Amino acid sequence: MIGGISVTQLVILLVIVMLVFGTKRLRNIGSDLGSAVKGFRKGIEDEPADKDPEKLTNAEKTSAAPQSKEEKVTASRPTEKDV
């Protein structure tokens, strides 16, 4: 038993999921999930580990800051579209 779920309950659940989604869709979902996990792992490994917040340059620290005066004004208050 795994957390109060028996093997027969898991088999019944698997059969219901296969009937609802179909084997082709489940295979596509599985491959998409696998490629997403692979991409996530690759992104984690490629990220440089020596980037401490204290060592960041000013350009890296302010890259998300508004670049122009107009962006600063619109960033500080919502527009009619936002409300």
Protein backbone atom coordinates (compact mmCIF):
# COMPACT_ATOMS: atom_id res chain seq x y z
CA MET A 1 0.00 0.00 0.00
CA ILE A 2 1.24 3.45 -0.96
CA GLY A 3 -0.28 6.15 1.22
CA GLY A 4 -3.55 4.29 1.69
CA ILE A 5 -4.05 3.49 -2.01
CA SER A 6 -4.06 -0.19 -2.95
CA VAL A 7 -2.75 -1.68 -6.18
CA THR A 8 -6.25 -2.44 -7.44
CA GLN A 9 -7.29 1.19 -6.93
CA LEU A 10 -4.25 2.34 -8.94
CA VAL A 11 -5.10 -0.07 -11.77
CA ILE A 12 -8.71 1.15 -11.87
CA LEU A 13 -7.52 4.76 -11.90
CA LEU A 14 -5.08 4.02 -14.73
CA VAL A 15 -7.83 2.36 -16.80
CA ILE A 16 -10.15 5.36 -16.30
CA VAL A 17 -7.41 7.82 -17.27
CA MET A 18 -6.64 5.78 -20.40
CA LEU A 19 -10.33 5.72 -21.37
CA VAL A 20 -10.71 9.47 -20.88
CA PHE A 21 -7.51 10.66 -22.55
CA GLY A 22 -6.57 7.81 -24.87
CA THR A 23 -3.16 6.24 -25.27
CA LYS A 24 -1.98 8.60 -28.02
CA ARG A 25 -2.68 11.72 -25.98
CA LEU A 26 -1.08 10.20 -22.87
CA ARG A 27 2.03 9.36 -24.90
CA ASN A 28 2.18 12.97 -26.16
CA ILE A 29 1.73 14.34 -22.65
CA GLY A 30 4.48 12.04 -21.37
CA SER A 31 6.94 13.06 -24.08
CA ASP A 32 6.15 16.76 -23.56
CA LEU A 33 6.65 16.41 -19.84
CA GLY A 34 9.93 14.56 -20.37
CA SER A 35 11.29 17.21 -22.73
CA ALA A 36 10.25 19.94 -20.30
CA VAL A 37 12.12 18.24 -17.45
CA LYS A 38 15.16 17.74 -19.70
CA GLY A 39 15.13 21.42 -20.68
CA PHE A 40 14.78 22.47 -17.04
CA ARG A 41 17.75 20.33 -16.02
CA LYS A 42 19.83 21.67 -18.89
CA GLY A 43 18.95 25.24 -17.89
CA ILE A 44 19.97 24.58 -14.30
CA GLU A 45 23.29 23.05 -15.37
CA ASP A 46 24.09 25.86 -17.83
CA GLU A 47 23.49 28.61 -15.27
CA PRO A 48 26.80 29.91 -13.93
CA ALA A 49 27.13 29.14 -10.23
CA ASP A 50 29.54 32.01 -9.52
CA LYS A 51 26.93 34.77 -10.00
CA ASP A 52 26.53 36.06 -6.46
CA PRO A 53 24.23 39.07 -6.00
CA GLU A 54 27.15 41.09 -4.62
CA LYS A 55 29.22 40.48 -7.77
CA LEU A 56 26.58 41.60 -10.29
CA THR A 57 27.40 44.65 -12.37
CA ASN A 58 25.15 47.71 -12.47
CA ALA A 59 23.87 46.74 -15.93
CA GLU A 60 22.80 43.32 -14.64
CA LYS A 61 21.15 44.81 -11.57
CA THR A 62 19.14 47.38 -13.51
CA SER A 63 18.23 45.30 -16.56
CA ALA A 64 14.61 45.04 -15.39
CA ALA A 65 14.34 48.74 -14.56
CA PRO A 66 12.47 51.07 -16.93
CA GLN A 67 14.77 52.33 -19.67
CA SER A 68 13.09 55.60 -20.68
CA LYS A 69 11.21 58.40 -18.94
CA GLU A 70 7.94 57.26 -20.53
CA GLU A 71 8.40 53.74 -19.16
CA LYS A 72 9.05 55.14 -15.69
CA VAL A 73 5.83 57.15 -15.79
CA THR A 74 3.66 54.30 -17.05
CA ALA A 75 5.25 51.84 -14.67
CA SER A 76 4.36 53.93 -11.63
CA ARG A 77 0.61 54.17 -12.22
CA PRO A 78 -1.87 51.84 -13.91
CA THR A 79 -3.54 52.85 -17.15
CA GLU A 80 -7.22 52.53 -18.02
CA LYS A 81 -6.45 49.24 -19.77
CA ASP A 82 -4.99 47.79 -16.56
CA VAL A 83 -8.01 48.70 -14.44
